[in-house]
Amino acid sequence: MSNVRTTHLSQKGFKELHKEISQLEAQEKALQFTLREIGRAKSRDDKLQRNEVIMNLELVSGKLANLRHMLKNAKPLPRKRDRLRVALGSIVDLVDQQGRMLHYILVDSLEANPTDGRISIDSPLGRSLLDKRPKDTVSWCAGVKLQRAQLVAIR
């Protein structure tokens, strides 16, 4: 029995994953072309360059295989979410201790990017939000400091 982990992605997450795969495929083709151009290494410099290209090609091919595997096992975030409790894919509105409004979407760790408003369900904030309801207070550790916020809405 294989241990395949399903990753849930938003539309933006799928788009970014496809883009990264395309970039790596282009990089892989360029490295393969360079390798053919070098041909059989004759001089010491040619051998060094060839070895460097081979190492880069192996690195790119490995990354590409991993991303393709992730894409194969990826599923879209659930469309119909229970708006009464926070779950994967929920969009949440929070008010922090300074009265600032914060907006986040809870995503899988692969897609997380806090500066873009996407937080991982595995992060301290993400874990503290799971299964909460509007008007609940959430607290989490950010470094050594304990943070608190009130959950205002789930969308």
N, C-alpha and C. Protein backbone atom coordinates (compact mmCIF):
# COMPACT_ATOMS: atom_id res chain seq x y z
N MET A 1 0.85 -1.18 0.00
CA MET A 1 0.00 0.00 0.00
C MET A 1 0.89 1.24 0.00
N SER A 2 0.73 2.10 -0.97
CA SER A 2 1.57 3.29 -1.06
C SER A 2 1.02 4.40 -0.17
N ASN A 3 1.91 5.24 0.26
CA ASN A 3 1.55 6.34 1.15
C ASN A 3 1.52 7.63 0.34
N VAL A 4 0.46 7.83 -0.44
CA VAL A 4 0.33 9.00 -1.30
C VAL A 4 -0.47 10.07 -0.57
N ARG A 5 0.12 11.24 -0.45
CA ARG A 5 -0.54 12.34 0.25
C ARG A 5 -1.24 13.22 -0.78
N THR A 6 -2.52 13.44 -0.58
CA THR A 6 -3.27 14.32 -1.45
C THR A 6 -3.03 15.76 -1.01
N THR A 7 -2.74 16.61 -1.98
CA THR A 7 -2.55 18.03 -1.71
C THR A 7 -3.75 18.76 -2.28
N HIS A 8 -4.35 19.64 -1.49
CA HIS A 8 -5.47 20.44 -1.95
C HIS A 8 -4.94 21.81 -2.35
N LEU A 9 -5.29 22.25 -3.57
CA LEU A 9 -4.80 23.53 -4.08
C LEU A 9 -5.95 24.41 -4.53
N SER A 10 -5.74 25.72 -4.40
CA SER A 10 -6.68 26.68 -4.95
C SER A 10 -6.41 26.80 -6.45
N GLN A 11 -7.25 27.54 -7.15
CA GLN A 11 -7.02 27.77 -8.58
C GLN A 11 -5.68 28.45 -8.79
N LYS A 12 -5.36 29.41 -7.92
CA LYS A 12 -4.08 30.11 -8.01
C LYS A 12 -2.93 29.14 -7.78
N GLY A 13 -3.10 28.22 -6.83
CA GLY A 13 -2.07 27.23 -6.56
C GLY A 13 -1.81 26.32 -7.75
N PHE A 14 -2.89 25.88 -8.42
CA PHE A 14 -2.73 25.06 -9.63
C PHE A 14 -2.00 25.84 -10.71
N LYS A 15 -2.39 27.11 -10.89
CA LYS A 15 -1.77 27.95 -11.92
C LYS A 15 -0.27 28.11 -11.65
N GLU A 16 0.09 28.37 -10.39
CA GLU A 16 1.51 28.55 -10.03
C GLU A 16 2.29 27.25 -10.22
N LEU A 17 1.68 26.11 -9.87
CA LEU A 17 2.35 24.83 -10.04
C LEU A 17 2.59 24.53 -11.51
N HIS A 18 1.58 24.77 -12.36
CA HIS A 18 1.74 24.57 -13.81
C HIS A 18 2.84 25.49 -14.36
N LYS A 19 2.88 26.73 -13.88
CA LYS A 19 3.89 27.69 -14.35
C LYS A 19 5.29 27.22 -13.97
N GLU A 20 5.45 26.76 -12.73
CA GLU A 20 6.76 26.28 -12.28
C GLU A 20 7.19 25.05 -13.07
N ILE A 21 6.25 24.15 -13.36
CA ILE A 21 6.57 22.97 -14.16
C ILE A 21 7.01 23.38 -15.57
N SER A 22 6.30 24.33 -16.18
CA SER A 22 6.67 24.81 -17.52
C SER A 22 8.07 25.42 -17.53
N GLN A 23 8.39 26.21 -16.51
CA GLN A 23 9.71 26.83 -16.43
C GLN A 23 10.80 25.77 -16.29
N LEU A 24 10.55 24.77 -15.47
CA LEU A 24 11.54 23.70 -15.29
C LEU A 24 11.68 22.85 -16.56
N GLU A 25 10.57 22.63 -17.27
CA GLU A 25 10.66 21.88 -18.54
C GLU A 25 11.51 22.63 -19.55
N ALA A 26 11.36 23.95 -19.63
CA ALA A 26 12.16 24.76 -20.54
C ALA A 26 13.64 24.71 -20.14
N GLN A 27 13.88 24.78 -18.83
CA GLN A 27 15.25 24.72 -18.32
C GLN A 27 15.87 23.35 -18.62
N GLU A 28 15.06 22.30 -18.46
CA GLU A 28 15.54 20.94 -18.73
C GLU A 28 15.92 20.79 -20.22
N LYS A 29 15.07 21.30 -21.12
CA LYS A 29 15.37 21.22 -22.56
C LYS A 29 16.64 21.99 -22.91
N ALA A 30 16.81 23.17 -22.30
CA ALA A 30 18.01 23.98 -22.57
C ALA A 30 19.27 23.25 -22.10
N LEU A 31 19.20 22.61 -20.94
CA LEU A 31 20.36 21.87 -20.44
C LEU A 31 20.66 20.64 -21.31
N GLN A 32 19.60 19.96 -21.78
CA GLN A 32 19.81 18.82 -22.67
C GLN A 32 20.46 19.26 -23.98
N PHE A 33 20.03 20.41 -24.50
CA PHE A 33 20.63 20.96 -25.72
C PHE A 33 22.10 21.29 -25.48
N THR A 34 22.39 21.94 -24.36
CA THR A 34 23.77 22.30 -24.03
C THR A 34 24.63 21.05 -23.93
N LEU A 35 24.09 20.01 -23.34
CA LEU A 35 24.83 18.75 -23.19
C LEU A 35 25.15 18.15 -24.55
N ARG A 36 24.18 18.19 -25.47
CA ARG A 36 24.43 17.68 -26.83
C ARG A 36 25.47 18.53 -27.55
N GLU A 37 25.43 19.82 -27.33
CA GLU A 37 26.38 20.73 -27.98
C GLU A 37 27.81 20.49 -27.49
N ILE A 38 27.95 20.19 -26.22
CA ILE A 38 29.29 19.92 -25.68
C ILE A 38 29.83 18.64 -26.28
N GLY A 39 28.92 17.67 -26.50
CA GLY A 39 29.31 16.39 -27.09
C GLY A 39 30.27 15.65 -26.20
N ARG A 40 31.15 14.92 -26.80
CA ARG A 40 32.16 14.17 -26.03
C ARG A 40 33.21 15.16 -25.54
N ALA A 41 33.42 15.15 -24.25
CA ALA A 41 34.38 16.07 -23.65
C ALA A 41 35.80 15.63 -23.99
N LYS A 42 36.56 16.58 -24.53
CA LYS A 42 37.94 16.27 -24.90
C LYS A 42 38.92 16.93 -23.94
N SER A 43 38.78 18.23 -23.76
CA SER A 43 39.69 18.93 -22.86
C SER A 43 39.19 18.85 -21.42
N ARG A 44 40.04 19.24 -20.50
CA ARG A 44 39.69 19.25 -19.08
C ARG A 44 38.54 20.22 -18.82
N ASP A 45 38.58 21.39 -19.47
CA ASP A 45 37.51 22.39 -19.31
C ASP A 45 36.18 21.85 -19.82
N ASP A 46 36.21 21.14 -20.96
CA ASP A 46 34.99 20.55 -21.51
C ASP A 46 34.39 19.53 -20.54
N LYS A 47 35.27 18.73 -19.92
CA LYS A 47 34.81 17.72 -18.97
C LYS A 47 34.16 18.38 -17.76
N LEU A 48 34.78 19.45 -17.26
CA LEU A 48 34.22 20.17 -16.12
C LEU A 48 32.86 20.78 -16.46
N GLN A 49 32.80 21.40 -17.65
CA GLN A 49 31.53 22.01 -18.06
C GLN A 49 30.46 20.95 -18.24
N ARG A 50 30.83 19.83 -18.85
CA ARG A 50 29.89 18.73 -19.06
C ARG A 50 29.37 18.20 -17.72
N ASN A 51 30.28 18.00 -16.76
CA ASN A 51 29.87 17.51 -15.45
C ASN A 51 28.93 18.50 -14.76
N GLU A 52 29.20 19.79 -14.88
CA GLU A 52 28.34 20.81 -14.26
C GLU A 52 26.95 20.79 -14.90
N VAL A 53 26.89 20.66 -16.22
CA VAL A 53 25.61 20.61 -16.92
C VAL A 53 24.83 19.35 -16.50
N ILE A 54 25.53 18.23 -16.38
CA ILE A 54 24.88 16.98 -15.97
C ILE A 54 24.31 17.11 -14.56
N MET A 55 25.06 17.72 -13.65
CA MET A 55 24.57 17.89 -12.27
C MET A 55 23.34 18.81 -12.25
N ASN A 56 23.38 19.89 -13.03
CA ASN A 56 22.23 20.80 -13.10
C ASN A 56 21.01 20.11 -13.70
N LEU A 57 21.26 19.30 -14.73
CA LEU A 57 20.17 18.57 -15.39
C LEU A 57 19.53 17.57 -14.41
N GLU A 58 20.34 16.88 -13.64
CA GLU A 58 19.79 15.94 -12.65
C GLU A 58 18.97 16.67 -11.59
N LEU A 59 19.45 17.84 -11.16
CA LEU A 59 18.73 18.63 -10.17
C LEU A 59 17.37 19.09 -10.72
N VAL A 60 17.37 19.63 -11.93
CA VAL A 60 16.14 20.12 -12.56
C VAL A 60 15.17 18.95 -12.80
N SER A 61 15.70 17.84 -13.30
CA SER A 61 14.85 16.67 -13.57
C SER A 61 14.21 16.14 -12.28
N GLY A 62 14.97 16.15 -11.19
CA GLY A 62 14.44 15.70 -9.90
C GLY A 62 13.32 16.61 -9.40
N LYS A 63 13.54 17.93 -9.49
CA LYS A 63 12.51 18.89 -9.07
C LYS A 63 11.26 18.71 -9.92
N LEU A 64 11.46 18.54 -11.22
CA LEU A 64 10.35 18.37 -12.15
C LEU A 64 9.54 17.12 -11.82
N ALA A 65 10.22 16.03 -11.53
CA ALA A 65 9.54 14.78 -11.17
C ALA A 65 8.71 14.97 -9.90
N ASN A 66 9.27 15.66 -8.90
CA ASN A 66 8.54 15.92 -7.66
C ASN A 66 7.29 16.76 -7.90
N LEU A 67 7.43 17.84 -8.69
CA LEU A 67 6.28 18.71 -8.96
C LEU A 67 5.20 17.99 -9.77
N ARG A 68 5.62 17.17 -10.73
CA ARG A 68 4.64 16.40 -11.51
C ARG A 68 3.90 15.42 -10.62
N HIS A 69 4.61 14.81 -9.68
CA HIS A 69 3.98 13.88 -8.73
C HIS A 69 2.97 14.63 -7.86
N MET A 70 3.35 15.84 -7.38
CA MET A 70 2.43 16.65 -6.58
C MET A 70 1.19 17.00 -7.38
N LEU A 71 1.39 17.40 -8.64
CA LEU A 71 0.27 17.78 -9.50
C LEU A 71 -0.66 16.59 -9.73
N LYS A 72 -0.07 15.42 -9.92
CA LYS A 72 -0.86 14.21 -10.15
C LYS A 72 -1.76 13.90 -8.95
N ASN A 73 -1.27 14.21 -7.74
CA ASN A 73 -2.01 13.90 -6.53
C ASN A 73 -2.74 15.10 -5.95
N ALA A 74 -2.80 16.20 -6.71
CA ALA A 74 -3.46 17.42 -6.22
C ALA A 74 -4.95 17.40 -6.56
N LYS A 75 -5.71 17.95 -5.64
CA LYS A 75 -7.15 18.09 -5.84
C LYS A 75 -7.52 19.54 -5.54
N PRO A 76 -8.58 20.03 -6.17
CA PRO A 76 -9.00 21.40 -5.86
C PRO A 76 -9.55 21.50 -4.44
N LEU A 77 -9.42 22.69 -3.87
CA LEU A 77 -9.99 22.93 -2.55
C LEU A 77 -11.48 22.61 -2.60
N PRO A 78 -12.02 22.11 -1.53
CA PRO A 78 -13.46 21.81 -1.52
C PRO A 78 -14.28 23.07 -1.83
N ARG A 79 -15.24 22.95 -2.72
CA ARG A 79 -16.06 24.10 -3.13
C ARG A 79 -17.07 24.47 -2.05
N LYS A 80 -17.79 23.47 -1.58
CA LYS A 80 -18.83 23.75 -0.58
C LYS A 80 -18.24 23.49 0.79
N ARG A 81 -17.88 24.57 1.44
CA ARG A 81 -17.30 24.45 2.77
C ARG A 81 -18.37 24.78 3.80
N ASP A 82 -18.21 24.18 4.93
CA ASP A 82 -19.08 24.50 6.05
C ASP A 82 -18.70 25.90 6.53
N ARG A 83 -19.56 26.86 6.31
CA ARG A 83 -19.25 28.24 6.67
C ARG A 83 -19.43 28.51 8.16
N LEU A 84 -19.78 27.48 8.91
CA LEU A 84 -19.94 27.66 10.35
C LEU A 84 -18.62 27.41 11.09
N ARG A 85 -17.73 26.63 10.49
CA ARG A 85 -16.44 26.31 11.10
C ARG A 85 -15.33 26.46 10.07
N VAL A 86 -14.16 26.84 10.53
CA VAL A 86 -13.00 27.02 9.65
C VAL A 86 -12.46 25.65 9.25
N ALA A 87 -12.18 25.50 7.96
CA ALA A 87 -11.61 24.26 7.42
C ALA A 87 -10.65 24.61 6.28
N LEU A 88 -9.99 23.62 5.73
CA LEU A 88 -9.11 23.82 4.59
C LEU A 88 -9.91 24.50 3.48
N GLY A 89 -9.39 25.58 2.93
CA GLY A 89 -10.06 26.30 1.86
C GLY A 89 -10.92 27.46 2.35
N SER A 90 -11.12 27.56 3.66
CA SER A 90 -11.92 28.67 4.20
C SER A 90 -11.17 29.99 4.02
N ILE A 91 -11.93 31.02 3.74
CA ILE A 91 -11.39 32.38 3.75
C ILE A 91 -11.87 33.00 5.05
N VAL A 92 -10.93 33.50 5.84
CA VAL A 92 -11.28 34.01 7.17
C VAL A 92 -10.95 35.50 7.28
N ASP A 93 -11.77 36.19 8.04
CA ASP A 93 -11.54 37.59 8.39
C ASP A 93 -11.28 37.64 9.88
N LEU A 94 -10.16 38.24 10.26
CA LEU A 94 -9.77 38.33 11.66
C LEU A 94 -9.54 39.80 12.03
N VAL A 95 -9.72 40.12 13.30
CA VAL A 95 -9.34 41.42 13.82
C VAL A 95 -8.27 41.16 14.88
N ASP A 96 -7.06 41.75 14.66
CA ASP A 96 -5.98 41.52 15.62
C ASP A 96 -6.09 42.45 16.83
N GLN A 97 -5.13 42.35 17.74
CA GLN A 97 -5.17 43.12 18.99
C GLN A 97 -5.05 44.62 18.76
N GLN A 98 -4.51 45.03 17.61
CA GLN A 98 -4.40 46.45 17.28
C GLN A 98 -5.62 46.96 16.52
N GLY A 99 -6.60 46.08 16.30
CA GLY A 99 -7.81 46.47 15.59
C GLY A 99 -7.70 46.40 14.08
N ARG A 100 -6.61 45.83 13.57
CA ARG A 100 -6.45 45.68 12.11
C ARG A 100 -7.23 44.48 11.61
N MET A 101 -7.82 44.63 10.43
CA MET A 101 -8.55 43.53 9.79
C MET A 101 -7.56 42.72 8.96
N LEU A 102 -7.56 41.41 9.15
CA LEU A 102 -6.69 40.50 8.42
C LEU A 102 -7.55 39.52 7.63
N HIS A 103 -7.14 39.23 6.40
CA HIS A 103 -7.88 38.30 5.54
C HIS A 103 -6.91 37.20 5.11
N TYR A 104 -7.30 35.95 5.31
CA TYR A 104 -6.47 34.82 4.92
C TYR A 104 -7.34 33.72 4.30
N ILE A 105 -6.68 32.92 3.46
CA ILE A 105 -7.30 31.68 2.99
C ILE A 105 -6.43 30.55 3.53
N LEU A 106 -7.04 29.52 4.07
CA LEU A 106 -6.30 28.38 4.60
C LEU A 106 -6.04 27.39 3.48
N VAL A 107 -4.76 27.12 3.24
CA VAL A 107 -4.34 26.26 2.14
C VAL A 107 -3.38 25.19 2.65
N ASP A 108 -3.05 24.26 1.77
CA ASP A 108 -2.05 23.24 2.05
C ASP A 108 -0.68 23.92 2.12
N SER A 109 0.25 23.32 2.84
CA SER A 109 1.56 23.94 3.03
C SER A 109 2.30 24.18 1.72
N LEU A 110 2.06 23.37 0.69
CA LEU A 110 2.70 23.54 -0.61
C LEU A 110 2.38 24.90 -1.21
N GLU A 111 1.20 25.40 -0.98
CA GLU A 111 0.72 26.63 -1.60
C GLU A 111 0.86 27.86 -0.71
N ALA A 112 1.23 27.65 0.55
CA ALA A 112 1.26 28.75 1.53
C ALA A 112 2.18 29.89 1.10
N ASN A 113 1.67 31.12 1.29
CA ASN A 113 2.43 32.34 1.04
C ASN A 113 1.77 33.44 1.85
N PRO A 114 2.17 33.61 3.11
CA PRO A 114 1.49 34.56 4.00
C PRO A 114 1.44 35.99 3.46
N THR A 115 2.46 36.42 2.72
CA THR A 115 2.44 37.78 2.18
C THR A 115 1.35 37.95 1.13
N ASP A 116 0.88 36.83 0.59
CA ASP A 116 -0.18 36.85 -0.41
C ASP A 116 -1.53 36.46 0.21
N GLY A 117 -1.56 36.32 1.55
CA GLY A 117 -2.81 36.01 2.23
C GLY A 117 -3.16 34.53 2.26
N ARG A 118 -2.20 33.66 1.93
CA ARG A 118 -2.45 32.22 1.94
C ARG A 118 -1.62 31.60 3.06
N ILE A 119 -2.30 31.10 4.09
CA ILE A 119 -1.57 30.50 5.20
C ILE A 119 -1.83 29.00 5.25
N SER A 120 -0.79 28.29 5.65
CA SER A 120 -0.86 26.83 5.73
C SER A 120 -1.71 26.39 6.92
N ILE A 121 -2.46 25.32 6.70
CA ILE A 121 -3.23 24.74 7.81
C ILE A 121 -2.29 24.11 8.83
N ASP A 122 -1.01 23.95 8.46
CA ASP A 122 -0.02 23.38 9.37
C ASP A 122 0.74 24.45 10.15
N SER A 123 0.53 25.73 9.82
CA SER A 123 1.21 26.82 10.54
C SER A 123 0.55 27.01 11.91
N PRO A 124 1.24 27.68 12.82
CA PRO A 124 0.62 27.92 14.14
C PRO A 124 -0.74 28.63 14.04
N LEU A 125 -0.84 29.67 13.20
CA LEU A 125 -2.12 30.36 13.03
C LEU A 125 -3.14 29.45 12.37
N GLY A 126 -2.73 28.74 11.33
CA GLY A 126 -3.64 27.83 10.64
C GLY A 126 -4.21 26.76 11.55
N ARG A 127 -3.34 26.16 12.36
CA ARG A 127 -3.81 25.12 13.31
C ARG A 127 -4.78 25.70 14.33
N SER A 128 -4.48 26.94 14.79
CA SER A 128 -5.37 27.53 15.81
C SER A 128 -6.72 27.93 15.22
N LEU A 129 -6.78 28.17 13.91
CA LEU A 129 -8.04 28.56 13.28
C LEU A 129 -8.96 27.37 12.97
N LEU A 130 -8.36 26.21 12.71
CA LEU A 130 -9.16 25.05 12.31
C LEU A 130 -10.28 24.76 13.31
N ASP A 131 -11.45 24.57 12.77
CA ASP A 131 -12.64 24.19 13.52
C ASP A 131 -13.24 25.31 14.38
N LYS A 132 -12.70 26.54 14.24
CA LYS A 132 -13.23 27.68 15.01
C LYS A 132 -14.47 28.23 14.33
N ARG A 133 -15.25 29.01 15.10
CA ARG A 133 -16.47 29.65 14.60
C ARG A 133 -16.31 31.16 14.69
N PRO A 134 -17.13 31.90 13.93
CA PRO A 134 -17.09 33.36 14.06
C PRO A 134 -17.30 33.77 15.52
N LYS A 135 -16.62 34.82 15.91
CA LYS A 135 -16.62 35.39 17.26
C LYS A 135 -15.68 34.66 18.21
N ASP A 136 -15.10 33.51 17.79
CA ASP A 136 -14.10 32.83 18.62
C ASP A 136 -12.81 33.64 18.61
N THR A 137 -12.07 33.57 19.70
CA THR A 137 -10.74 34.18 19.76
C THR A 137 -9.72 33.09 19.50
N VAL A 138 -8.76 33.40 18.65
CA VAL A 138 -7.69 32.44 18.35
C VAL A 138 -6.39 33.02 18.89
N SER A 139 -5.52 32.14 19.34
CA SER A 139 -4.20 32.58 19.79
C SER A 139 -3.17 31.59 19.24
N TRP A 140 -1.99 32.13 18.93
CA TRP A 140 -0.92 31.34 18.36
C TRP A 140 0.40 32.00 18.71
N CYS A 141 1.47 31.22 18.65
CA CYS A 141 2.80 31.75 18.94
C CYS A 141 3.46 32.18 17.64
N ALA A 142 3.93 33.43 17.65
CA ALA A 142 4.73 33.95 16.55
C ALA A 142 6.11 34.21 17.13
N GLY A 143 6.99 33.24 16.99
CA GLY A 143 8.29 33.33 17.66
C GLY A 143 8.07 33.09 19.14
N VAL A 144 8.46 34.06 19.98
CA VAL A 144 8.27 33.92 21.42
C VAL A 144 7.02 34.67 21.89
N LYS A 145 6.42 35.43 20.98
CA LYS A 145 5.28 36.27 21.34
C LYS A 145 3.95 35.55 21.07
N LEU A 146 3.04 35.63 22.02
CA LEU A 146 1.71 35.06 21.85
C LEU A 146 0.82 36.10 21.16
N GLN A 147 0.24 35.74 20.04
CA GLN A 147 -0.64 36.63 19.28
C GLN A 147 -2.08 36.19 19.51
N ARG A 148 -2.99 37.16 19.45
CA ARG A 148 -4.42 36.87 19.58
C ARG A 148 -5.17 37.65 18.51
N ALA A 149 -6.27 37.07 18.07
CA ALA A 149 -7.16 37.75 17.12
C ALA A 149 -8.56 37.16 17.27
N GLN A 150 -9.55 37.94 16.86
CA GLN A 150 -10.91 37.44 16.91
C GLN A 150 -11.34 37.09 15.49
N LEU A 151 -11.95 35.93 15.36
CA LEU A 151 -12.47 35.48 14.08
C LEU A 151 -13.80 36.20 13.85
N VAL A 152 -13.85 37.01 12.79
CA VAL A 152 -15.04 37.82 12.51
C VAL A 152 -15.98 37.11 11.53
N ALA A 153 -15.40 36.51 10.50
CA ALA A 153 -16.25 35.88 9.47
C ALA A 153 -15.50 34.75 8.78
N ILE A 154 -16.27 33.82 8.26
CA ILE A 154 -15.76 32.72 7.44
C ILE A 154 -16.47 32.83 6.11
N ARG A 155 -15.70 32.89 5.04
CA ARG A 155 -16.31 32.98 3.70
C ARG A 155 -15.96 31.77 2.89
